[in-house]
């Protein structure tokens, strides 16, 4: 990749890193705010998502350094809504995942025809994020509902 394209890719990867770090913080917070009968499996799922977000951030950071860049020390937006109902948490999660998915699509556009490594990485992460979005969407549906959840 030429230098200008390389820097655009580094910027996109740093954006992904910041979003994924924010996801790790958000999911950790959410896991602490769950109460009720279904607490244990939901907390476990949220903690798993927090760990996954940190892993995704690390992977993006490794690619930043591979390209000769400096990994960001910033973190994505962390807005406290003060809403801790499971439905609210899942809707916030859905929104966060949509933003992360868009960042991976941006990286794909940047890397297409320029870097097979980054293209494959972006495609792999898009698949993971779309499956995760589907999982959250299904959790937001009423039992027995076949139609995808729409806000």
N, C-alpha and C. Protein backbone atom coordinates (compact mmCIF):
# COMPACT_ATOMS: atom_id res chain seq x y z
N UNK A 1 0.85 -1.18 0.00
CA UNK A 1 0.00 0.00 0.00
C UNK A 1 0.89 1.24 0.00
N UNK A 2 0.48 2.23 -0.75
CA UNK A 2 1.24 3.48 -0.75
C UNK A 2 0.97 4.23 0.55
N UNK A 3 1.83 5.19 0.87
CA UNK A 3 1.79 5.87 2.17
C UNK A 3 0.44 6.51 2.50
N UNK A 4 -0.18 7.21 1.56
CA UNK A 4 -1.46 7.88 1.83
C UNK A 4 -2.54 6.86 2.13
N UNK A 5 -2.62 5.81 1.32
CA UNK A 5 -3.61 4.75 1.55
C UNK A 5 -3.31 4.01 2.85
N UNK A 6 -2.03 3.84 3.13
CA UNK A 6 -1.61 3.19 4.36
C UNK A 6 -2.13 3.97 5.57
N UNK A 7 -2.00 5.29 5.54
CA UNK A 7 -2.45 6.12 6.67
C UNK A 7 -3.97 6.08 6.81
N UNK A 8 -4.68 6.04 5.70
CA UNK A 8 -6.14 5.95 5.76
C UNK A 8 -6.54 4.62 6.42
N UNK A 9 -5.84 3.55 6.07
CA UNK A 9 -6.11 2.24 6.67
C UNK A 9 -5.79 2.25 8.17
N UNK A 10 -4.68 2.86 8.53
CA UNK A 10 -4.31 2.97 9.95
C UNK A 10 -5.37 3.74 10.72
N UNK A 11 -5.84 4.84 10.16
CA UNK A 11 -6.89 5.63 10.80
C UNK A 11 -8.17 4.80 10.99
N UNK A 12 -8.53 4.04 9.98
CA UNK A 12 -9.74 3.19 10.06
C UNK A 12 -9.56 2.11 11.12
N UNK A 13 -8.39 1.51 11.17
CA UNK A 13 -8.11 0.48 12.18
C UNK A 13 -8.11 1.07 13.58
N UNK A 14 -7.57 2.27 13.74
CA UNK A 14 -7.60 2.91 15.05
C UNK A 14 -9.04 3.23 15.47
N UNK A 15 -9.87 3.63 14.53
CA UNK A 15 -11.29 3.87 14.82
C UNK A 15 -11.94 2.57 15.31
N UNK A 16 -11.64 1.48 14.62
CA UNK A 16 -12.17 0.17 15.02
C UNK A 16 -11.68 -0.18 16.43
N UNK A 17 -10.41 0.03 16.66
CA UNK A 17 -9.84 -0.26 17.98
C UNK A 17 -10.56 0.52 19.07
N UNK A 18 -10.79 1.80 18.83
CA UNK A 18 -11.49 2.65 19.81
C UNK A 18 -12.92 2.16 20.05
N UNK A 19 -13.61 1.78 18.97
CA UNK A 19 -14.98 1.28 19.11
C UNK A 19 -15.02 -0.03 19.88
N UNK A 20 -14.09 -0.92 19.57
CA UNK A 20 -14.07 -2.22 20.25
C UNK A 20 -13.69 -2.08 21.72
N UNK A 21 -12.77 -1.16 22.04
CA UNK A 21 -12.45 -0.90 23.45
C UNK A 21 -13.67 -0.37 24.18
N UNK A 22 -14.39 0.54 23.54
CA UNK A 22 -15.61 1.07 24.15
C UNK A 22 -16.62 -0.04 24.37
N UNK A 23 -16.71 -0.96 23.41
CA UNK A 23 -17.61 -2.10 23.57
C UNK A 23 -17.24 -2.93 24.79
N UNK A 24 -15.95 -3.15 24.99
CA UNK A 24 -15.51 -3.90 26.16
C UNK A 24 -15.93 -3.23 27.46
N UNK A 25 -15.80 -1.91 27.51
CA UNK A 25 -16.20 -1.16 28.71
C UNK A 25 -17.72 -1.21 28.88
N UNK A 26 -18.45 -0.97 27.79
CA UNK A 26 -19.92 -0.96 27.86
C UNK A 26 -20.45 -2.32 28.32
N UNK A 27 -19.96 -3.40 27.70
CA UNK A 27 -20.46 -4.73 28.07
C UNK A 27 -20.10 -5.09 29.50
N UNK A 28 -18.93 -4.63 29.96
CA UNK A 28 -18.57 -4.87 31.37
C UNK A 28 -19.55 -4.13 32.28
N UNK A 29 -19.84 -2.88 31.96
CA UNK A 29 -20.80 -2.10 32.75
C UNK A 29 -22.17 -2.78 32.74
N UNK A 30 -22.63 -3.15 31.55
CA UNK A 30 -23.94 -3.80 31.44
C UNK A 30 -23.99 -5.05 32.31
N UNK A 31 -22.90 -5.82 32.32
CA UNK A 31 -22.91 -7.08 33.08
C UNK A 31 -23.07 -6.84 34.57
N UNK A 32 -22.67 -5.67 35.02
CA UNK A 32 -22.81 -5.33 36.44
C UNK A 32 -24.19 -4.82 36.80
N UNK A 33 -24.98 -4.46 35.79
CA UNK A 33 -26.27 -3.83 36.03
C UNK A 33 -27.47 -4.74 35.79
N UNK A 34 -27.23 -6.03 35.58
CA UNK A 34 -28.32 -6.96 35.31
C UNK A 34 -28.82 -7.57 36.62
N UNK A 35 -30.13 -7.51 36.80
CA UNK A 35 -30.76 -8.09 37.98
C UNK A 35 -31.95 -8.95 37.54
N UNK A 36 -32.36 -9.84 38.40
CA UNK A 36 -33.54 -10.63 38.12
C UNK A 36 -33.22 -12.11 37.91
N UNK A 37 -34.26 -12.85 37.59
CA UNK A 37 -34.17 -14.30 37.49
C UNK A 37 -33.19 -14.80 36.43
N UNK A 38 -33.07 -14.08 35.35
CA UNK A 38 -32.19 -14.52 34.26
C UNK A 38 -30.80 -13.91 34.33
N UNK A 39 -30.41 -13.41 35.49
CA UNK A 39 -29.15 -12.69 35.62
C UNK A 39 -27.95 -13.51 35.20
N UNK A 40 -27.83 -14.73 35.66
CA UNK A 40 -26.60 -15.50 35.45
C UNK A 40 -26.29 -15.72 33.97
N UNK A 41 -27.20 -16.23 33.16
CA UNK A 41 -26.83 -16.42 31.75
C UNK A 41 -26.62 -15.10 31.00
N UNK A 42 -27.36 -14.08 31.34
CA UNK A 42 -27.20 -12.79 30.66
C UNK A 42 -25.87 -12.15 31.03
N UNK A 43 -25.50 -12.19 32.31
CA UNK A 43 -24.22 -11.65 32.74
C UNK A 43 -23.08 -12.40 32.05
N UNK A 44 -23.20 -13.70 31.97
CA UNK A 44 -22.17 -14.50 31.30
C UNK A 44 -22.04 -14.09 29.84
N UNK A 45 -23.15 -13.89 29.15
CA UNK A 45 -23.15 -13.49 27.74
C UNK A 45 -22.51 -12.10 27.59
N UNK A 46 -22.85 -11.18 28.48
CA UNK A 46 -22.31 -9.82 28.42
C UNK A 46 -20.80 -9.81 28.69
N UNK A 47 -20.36 -10.60 29.68
CA UNK A 47 -18.93 -10.68 29.97
C UNK A 47 -18.16 -11.27 28.79
N UNK A 48 -18.76 -12.25 28.12
CA UNK A 48 -18.14 -12.82 26.93
C UNK A 48 -18.00 -11.79 25.83
N UNK A 49 -19.00 -10.94 25.68
CA UNK A 49 -18.94 -9.87 24.68
C UNK A 49 -17.86 -8.85 25.03
N UNK A 50 -17.71 -8.57 26.33
CA UNK A 50 -16.66 -7.63 26.76
C UNK A 50 -15.29 -8.19 26.40
N UNK A 51 -15.07 -9.46 26.67
CA UNK A 51 -13.79 -10.09 26.35
C UNK A 51 -13.57 -10.12 24.84
N UNK A 52 -14.62 -10.40 24.09
CA UNK A 52 -14.52 -10.42 22.63
C UNK A 52 -14.14 -9.04 22.10
N UNK A 53 -14.75 -7.99 22.64
CA UNK A 53 -14.44 -6.63 22.22
C UNK A 53 -12.97 -6.29 22.45
N UNK A 54 -12.44 -6.70 23.59
CA UNK A 54 -11.03 -6.45 23.87
C UNK A 54 -10.13 -7.22 22.91
N UNK A 55 -10.54 -8.45 22.59
CA UNK A 55 -9.79 -9.23 21.61
C UNK A 55 -9.81 -8.60 20.24
N UNK A 56 -10.97 -8.08 19.84
CA UNK A 56 -11.09 -7.41 18.55
C UNK A 56 -10.23 -6.13 18.52
N UNK A 57 -10.22 -5.40 19.64
CA UNK A 57 -9.40 -4.19 19.73
C UNK A 57 -7.92 -4.55 19.58
N UNK A 58 -7.51 -5.61 20.23
CA UNK A 58 -6.12 -6.03 20.16
C UNK A 58 -5.74 -6.42 18.73
N UNK A 59 -6.62 -7.13 18.07
CA UNK A 59 -6.35 -7.55 16.69
C UNK A 59 -6.21 -6.33 15.77
N UNK A 60 -7.09 -5.35 15.93
CA UNK A 60 -7.00 -4.12 15.13
C UNK A 60 -5.70 -3.39 15.44
N UNK A 61 -5.32 -3.33 16.71
CA UNK A 61 -4.06 -2.68 17.10
C UNK A 61 -2.85 -3.38 16.51
N UNK A 62 -2.89 -4.70 16.45
CA UNK A 62 -1.78 -5.45 15.83
C UNK A 62 -1.64 -5.07 14.36
N UNK A 63 -2.76 -4.89 13.68
CA UNK A 63 -2.72 -4.51 12.27
C UNK A 63 -2.22 -3.07 12.10
N UNK A 64 -2.55 -2.21 13.05
CA UNK A 64 -2.02 -0.84 13.02
C UNK A 64 -0.49 -0.89 13.06
N UNK A 65 0.06 -1.69 13.98
CA UNK A 65 1.52 -1.76 14.09
C UNK A 65 2.13 -2.48 12.89
N UNK A 66 1.44 -3.45 12.33
CA UNK A 66 1.91 -4.12 11.12
C UNK A 66 2.11 -3.11 10.00
N UNK A 67 1.21 -2.14 9.93
CA UNK A 67 1.28 -1.11 8.89
C UNK A 67 2.24 0.03 9.25
N UNK A 68 2.86 -0.06 10.42
CA UNK A 68 3.82 0.96 10.84
C UNK A 68 3.19 2.12 11.58
N UNK A 69 1.94 1.94 12.01
CA UNK A 69 1.25 3.00 12.72
C UNK A 69 1.36 2.88 14.22
N UNK A 70 0.75 3.82 14.89
CA UNK A 70 0.73 3.88 16.36
C UNK A 70 -0.69 3.63 16.83
N UNK A 71 -0.92 2.56 17.61
CA UNK A 71 -2.27 2.27 18.09
C UNK A 71 -2.81 3.41 18.97
N UNK A 72 -4.06 3.71 18.77
CA UNK A 72 -4.72 4.79 19.50
C UNK A 72 -4.86 4.45 20.99
N UNK A 73 -4.73 5.47 21.80
CA UNK A 73 -5.03 5.33 23.23
C UNK A 73 -6.41 5.88 23.56
N UNK A 74 -7.14 6.27 22.53
CA UNK A 74 -8.48 6.79 22.73
C UNK A 74 -9.47 5.65 22.86
N UNK A 75 -10.65 6.00 23.29
CA UNK A 75 -11.73 5.02 23.41
C UNK A 75 -12.98 5.65 22.81
N UNK A 76 -13.82 4.82 22.21
CA UNK A 76 -15.05 5.33 21.60
C UNK A 76 -15.98 5.92 22.65
N UNK A 77 -17.08 6.46 22.19
CA UNK A 77 -18.06 7.13 23.06
C UNK A 77 -18.59 6.19 24.14
N UNK A 78 -18.65 6.72 25.35
CA UNK A 78 -19.20 5.98 26.49
C UNK A 78 -20.29 6.83 27.13
N UNK A 79 -21.48 6.71 26.63
CA UNK A 79 -22.59 7.48 27.16
C UNK A 79 -23.38 6.66 28.15
N UNK A 80 -23.59 7.20 29.32
CA UNK A 80 -24.38 6.52 30.34
C UNK A 80 -25.83 6.95 30.18
N UNK A 81 -26.68 6.01 29.83
CA UNK A 81 -28.09 6.33 29.61
C UNK A 81 -28.90 6.23 30.89
N UNK A 82 -28.32 5.58 31.91
CA UNK A 82 -29.03 5.33 33.17
C UNK A 82 -30.21 4.38 32.97
N UNK A 83 -30.28 3.70 31.83
CA UNK A 83 -31.34 2.71 31.59
C UNK A 83 -30.71 1.34 31.70
N UNK A 84 -31.22 0.53 32.64
CA UNK A 84 -30.60 -0.75 32.90
C UNK A 84 -31.58 -1.92 32.78
N UNK A 85 -32.69 -1.69 32.16
CA UNK A 85 -33.59 -2.78 31.84
C UNK A 85 -32.89 -3.63 30.77
N UNK A 86 -33.09 -4.93 30.80
CA UNK A 86 -32.43 -5.81 29.83
C UNK A 86 -32.73 -5.36 28.39
N UNK A 87 -33.96 -4.99 28.11
CA UNK A 87 -34.32 -4.53 26.78
C UNK A 87 -33.55 -3.28 26.39
N UNK A 88 -33.39 -2.35 27.32
CA UNK A 88 -32.62 -1.13 27.05
C UNK A 88 -31.15 -1.47 26.79
N UNK A 89 -30.60 -2.36 27.59
CA UNK A 89 -29.21 -2.77 27.42
C UNK A 89 -29.02 -3.41 26.05
N UNK A 90 -29.95 -4.27 25.66
CA UNK A 90 -29.83 -4.94 24.36
C UNK A 90 -30.00 -3.96 23.21
N UNK A 91 -30.89 -2.99 23.35
CA UNK A 91 -31.04 -1.99 22.29
C UNK A 91 -29.79 -1.13 22.16
N UNK A 92 -29.18 -0.77 23.29
CA UNK A 92 -27.92 -0.03 23.24
C UNK A 92 -26.83 -0.88 22.60
N UNK A 93 -26.81 -2.15 22.94
CA UNK A 93 -25.85 -3.07 22.36
C UNK A 93 -26.02 -3.16 20.85
N UNK A 94 -27.27 -3.25 20.42
CA UNK A 94 -27.58 -3.32 18.99
C UNK A 94 -27.05 -2.09 18.27
N UNK A 95 -27.25 -0.92 18.85
CA UNK A 95 -26.78 0.32 18.24
C UNK A 95 -25.25 0.35 18.18
N UNK A 96 -24.60 -0.06 19.26
CA UNK A 96 -23.14 -0.10 19.28
C UNK A 96 -22.61 -1.04 18.20
N UNK A 97 -23.22 -2.19 18.07
CA UNK A 97 -22.76 -3.17 17.08
C UNK A 97 -22.97 -2.67 15.65
N UNK A 98 -24.03 -1.92 15.42
CA UNK A 98 -24.26 -1.34 14.08
C UNK A 98 -23.15 -0.35 13.73
N UNK A 99 -22.73 0.44 14.70
CA UNK A 99 -21.65 1.41 14.47
C UNK A 99 -20.34 0.69 14.19
N UNK A 100 -20.06 -0.36 14.96
CA UNK A 100 -18.84 -1.14 14.74
C UNK A 100 -18.87 -1.81 13.37
N UNK A 101 -20.01 -2.35 13.00
CA UNK A 101 -20.15 -2.99 11.68
C UNK A 101 -19.86 -1.99 10.57
N UNK A 102 -20.37 -0.79 10.69
CA UNK A 102 -20.13 0.25 9.68
C UNK A 102 -18.64 0.57 9.58
N UNK A 103 -17.93 0.54 10.71
CA UNK A 103 -16.49 0.81 10.70
C UNK A 103 -15.73 -0.29 9.95
N UNK A 104 -16.17 -1.53 10.11
CA UNK A 104 -15.54 -2.63 9.38
C UNK A 104 -15.84 -2.53 7.88
N UNK A 105 -17.05 -2.12 7.53
CA UNK A 105 -17.36 -1.91 6.11
C UNK A 105 -16.52 -0.78 5.53
N UNK A 106 -16.27 0.26 6.32
CA UNK A 106 -15.40 1.35 5.86
C UNK A 106 -13.99 0.82 5.58
N UNK A 107 -13.49 -0.02 6.47
CA UNK A 107 -12.17 -0.61 6.27
C UNK A 107 -12.15 -1.47 5.01
N UNK A 108 -13.22 -2.20 4.78
CA UNK A 108 -13.29 -3.04 3.58
C UNK A 108 -13.18 -2.18 2.32
N UNK A 109 -13.91 -1.07 2.30
CA UNK A 109 -13.85 -0.17 1.13
C UNK A 109 -12.44 0.37 0.91
N UNK A 110 -11.78 0.72 2.00
CA UNK A 110 -10.43 1.25 1.92
C UNK A 110 -9.44 0.20 1.41
N UNK A 111 -9.62 -1.03 1.86
CA UNK A 111 -8.63 -2.07 1.57
C UNK A 111 -8.85 -2.81 0.25
N UNK A 112 -10.08 -2.77 -0.29
CA UNK A 112 -10.37 -3.51 -1.52
C UNK A 112 -9.40 -3.12 -2.63
N UNK A 113 -8.74 -4.12 -3.18
CA UNK A 113 -7.80 -3.89 -4.26
C UNK A 113 -6.46 -3.34 -3.82
N UNK A 114 -6.31 -3.11 -2.52
CA UNK A 114 -5.06 -2.55 -1.99
C UNK A 114 -4.32 -3.52 -1.06
N UNK A 115 -5.08 -4.32 -0.31
CA UNK A 115 -4.45 -5.23 0.66
C UNK A 115 -5.36 -6.43 0.89
N UNK A 116 -4.91 -7.60 0.45
CA UNK A 116 -5.67 -8.83 0.68
C UNK A 116 -5.79 -9.10 2.18
N UNK A 117 -4.72 -8.85 2.90
CA UNK A 117 -4.73 -9.05 4.36
C UNK A 117 -5.84 -8.25 5.02
N UNK A 118 -5.90 -6.96 4.73
CA UNK A 118 -6.93 -6.11 5.35
C UNK A 118 -8.32 -6.44 4.83
N UNK A 119 -8.42 -6.78 3.55
CA UNK A 119 -9.72 -7.18 2.99
C UNK A 119 -10.25 -8.41 3.71
N UNK A 120 -9.40 -9.42 3.84
CA UNK A 120 -9.83 -10.66 4.51
C UNK A 120 -10.19 -10.40 5.96
N UNK A 121 -9.38 -9.60 6.64
CA UNK A 121 -9.67 -9.24 8.03
C UNK A 121 -11.03 -8.54 8.13
N UNK A 122 -11.24 -7.54 7.28
CA UNK A 122 -12.50 -6.79 7.32
C UNK A 122 -13.68 -7.72 7.04
N UNK A 123 -13.55 -8.59 6.05
CA UNK A 123 -14.64 -9.52 5.73
C UNK A 123 -14.93 -10.47 6.89
N UNK A 124 -13.88 -10.99 7.49
CA UNK A 124 -14.04 -11.89 8.64
C UNK A 124 -14.78 -11.20 9.79
N UNK A 125 -14.38 -9.95 10.06
CA UNK A 125 -15.00 -9.21 11.16
C UNK A 125 -16.43 -8.81 10.82
N UNK A 126 -16.70 -8.52 9.56
CA UNK A 126 -18.07 -8.21 9.15
C UNK A 126 -18.97 -9.42 9.38
N UNK A 127 -18.49 -10.60 9.03
CA UNK A 127 -19.28 -11.82 9.28
C UNK A 127 -19.57 -11.96 10.77
N UNK A 128 -18.54 -11.80 11.60
CA UNK A 128 -18.73 -11.93 13.05
C UNK A 128 -19.70 -10.89 13.59
N UNK A 129 -19.56 -9.65 13.14
CA UNK A 129 -20.43 -8.58 13.63
C UNK A 129 -21.88 -8.77 13.17
N UNK A 130 -22.06 -9.22 11.93
CA UNK A 130 -23.43 -9.44 11.44
C UNK A 130 -24.09 -10.59 12.19
N UNK A 131 -23.33 -11.64 12.50
CA UNK A 131 -23.89 -12.74 13.30
C UNK A 131 -24.21 -12.27 14.71
N UNK A 132 -23.37 -11.41 15.25
CA UNK A 132 -23.63 -10.88 16.60
C UNK A 132 -24.87 -9.98 16.59
N UNK A 133 -25.01 -9.16 15.57
CA UNK A 133 -26.21 -8.33 15.43
C UNK A 133 -27.47 -9.20 15.37
N UNK A 134 -27.38 -10.29 14.62
CA UNK A 134 -28.52 -11.20 14.52
C UNK A 134 -28.85 -11.81 15.88
N UNK A 135 -27.82 -12.15 16.64
CA UNK A 135 -28.03 -12.72 17.97
C UNK A 135 -28.76 -11.73 18.88
N UNK A 136 -28.32 -10.50 18.88
CA UNK A 136 -28.95 -9.47 19.71
C UNK A 136 -30.38 -9.22 19.22
N UNK A 137 -30.55 -9.17 17.91
CA UNK A 137 -31.88 -8.96 17.34
C UNK A 137 -32.84 -10.06 17.80
N UNK A 138 -32.39 -11.28 17.79
CA UNK A 138 -33.24 -12.40 18.22
C UNK A 138 -33.56 -12.32 19.71
N UNK A 139 -32.62 -11.81 20.49
CA UNK A 139 -32.87 -11.65 21.92
C UNK A 139 -33.93 -10.58 22.18
N UNK A 140 -34.05 -9.61 21.27
CA UNK A 140 -35.01 -8.53 21.44
C UNK A 140 -36.42 -8.90 20.95
N UNK A 141 -36.54 -10.00 20.25
CA UNK A 141 -37.85 -10.41 19.74
C UNK A 141 -38.70 -11.02 20.86
N UNK A 142 -39.98 -10.89 20.70
CA UNK A 142 -40.89 -11.58 21.61
C UNK A 142 -40.80 -13.07 21.33
N UNK A 143 -40.94 -13.92 22.35
CA UNK A 143 -40.91 -15.36 22.10
C UNK A 143 -41.93 -15.74 21.02
N UNK A 144 -41.47 -16.51 20.05
CA UNK A 144 -42.34 -16.96 18.97
C UNK A 144 -42.37 -16.03 17.77
N UNK A 145 -41.83 -14.82 17.91
CA UNK A 145 -41.84 -13.85 16.79
C UNK A 145 -40.82 -14.25 15.76
N UNK A 146 -41.23 -14.26 14.50
CA UNK A 146 -40.33 -14.63 13.41
C UNK A 146 -39.71 -13.40 12.74
N UNK A 147 -40.43 -12.30 12.76
CA UNK A 147 -39.94 -11.08 12.11
C UNK A 147 -38.79 -10.47 12.90
N UNK A 148 -37.75 -9.96 12.22
CA UNK A 148 -36.65 -9.30 12.92
C UNK A 148 -37.15 -8.12 13.74
N UNK A 149 -36.46 -7.87 14.86
CA UNK A 149 -36.77 -6.74 15.72
C UNK A 149 -36.48 -5.45 14.95
N UNK A 150 -37.41 -4.51 15.02
CA UNK A 150 -37.22 -3.18 14.43
C UNK A 150 -37.58 -2.16 15.47
N UNK A 151 -36.74 -1.14 15.57
CA UNK A 151 -37.00 -0.09 16.55
C UNK A 151 -38.07 0.84 16.07
